[in-house]
Amino acid sequence: MSNSIWMALGLVLIVEGLGPLLAPNGWRAMVAQLSEQSDNHLRRMGGCLVVAGVVIAYVFA
């Protein structure tokens, strides 16, 4: 893997870790709410996140 892939992975881990580090109770409540969502809703949210990520990567690449 190239250095930029490792850098991107590291940044994702930093961003993902900020929630439980700074607000563990709020993060736990958010995860509990997400677990109650339907599969279709979660798929739609995941698809939107993927599209947003691709657009950001395209713009800044």
Protein backbone atom coordinates (compact mmCIF):
# COMPACT_ATOMS: atom_id res chain seq x y z
CA MET A 1 0.00 0.00 0.00
CA SER A 2 1.21 3.46 -0.75
CA ASN A 3 1.88 6.03 1.93
CA SER A 4 -1.23 8.02 1.01
CA ILE A 5 -3.46 4.99 1.64
CA TRP A 6 -1.90 4.49 5.07
CA MET A 7 -2.31 8.22 5.80
CA ALA A 8 -5.99 8.05 4.80
CA LEU A 9 -6.54 4.99 6.98
CA GLY A 10 -4.85 6.71 9.91
CA LEU A 11 -7.04 9.81 9.49
CA VAL A 12 -10.18 7.67 9.35
CA LEU A 13 -9.17 5.94 12.58
CA ILE A 14 -8.52 9.30 14.26
CA VAL A 15 -11.89 10.70 13.21
CA GLU A 16 -13.73 7.51 14.17
CA GLY A 17 -12.02 7.43 17.56
CA LEU A 18 -12.93 11.00 18.50
CA GLY A 19 -16.57 10.16 19.29
CA PRO A 20 -15.99 7.50 21.95
CA LEU A 21 -12.97 9.41 23.30
CA LEU A 22 -14.67 12.77 23.81
CA ALA A 23 -18.31 11.80 24.43
CA PRO A 24 -18.65 8.10 25.27
CA ASN A 25 -22.24 8.33 26.53
CA GLY A 26 -23.46 10.26 23.50
CA TRP A 27 -21.60 7.89 21.20
CA ARG A 28 -23.18 4.87 22.91
CA ALA A 29 -26.66 6.44 22.54
CA MET A 30 -26.01 7.13 18.86
CA VAL A 31 -24.93 3.53 18.25
CA ALA A 32 -28.04 2.29 20.07
CA GLN A 33 -30.25 4.48 17.86
CA LEU A 34 -28.48 3.26 14.73
CA SER A 35 -29.02 -0.36 15.76
CA GLU A 36 -32.77 0.26 15.80
CA GLN A 37 -32.87 1.51 12.19
CA SER A 38 -34.09 -0.71 9.38
CA ASP A 39 -31.62 -2.37 7.04
CA ASN A 40 -32.79 -0.26 4.10
CA HIS A 41 -32.25 2.96 6.05
CA LEU A 42 -28.74 1.90 7.06
CA ARG A 43 -27.94 0.92 3.47
CA ARG A 44 -29.14 4.30 2.24
CA MET A 45 -27.03 6.10 4.86
CA GLY A 46 -24.00 3.97 3.99
CA GLY A 47 -24.46 4.65 0.29
CA CYS A 48 -24.64 8.39 0.92
CA LEU A 49 -21.44 8.23 2.97
CA VAL A 50 -19.65 6.29 0.23
CA VAL A 51 -20.77 8.76 -2.44
CA ALA A 52 -19.71 11.70 -0.26
CA GLY A 53 -16.32 10.08 0.30
CA VAL A 54 -15.80 9.47 -3.41
CA VAL A 55 -16.74 13.07 -4.24
CA ILE A 56 -14.36 14.44 -1.58
CA ALA A 57 -11.55 12.18 -2.77
CA TYR A 58 -12.16 13.22 -6.38
CA VAL A 59 -12.20 16.94 -5.55
CA PHE A 60 -9.02 16.85 -3.49
CA ALA A 61 -7.07 14.33 -5.60
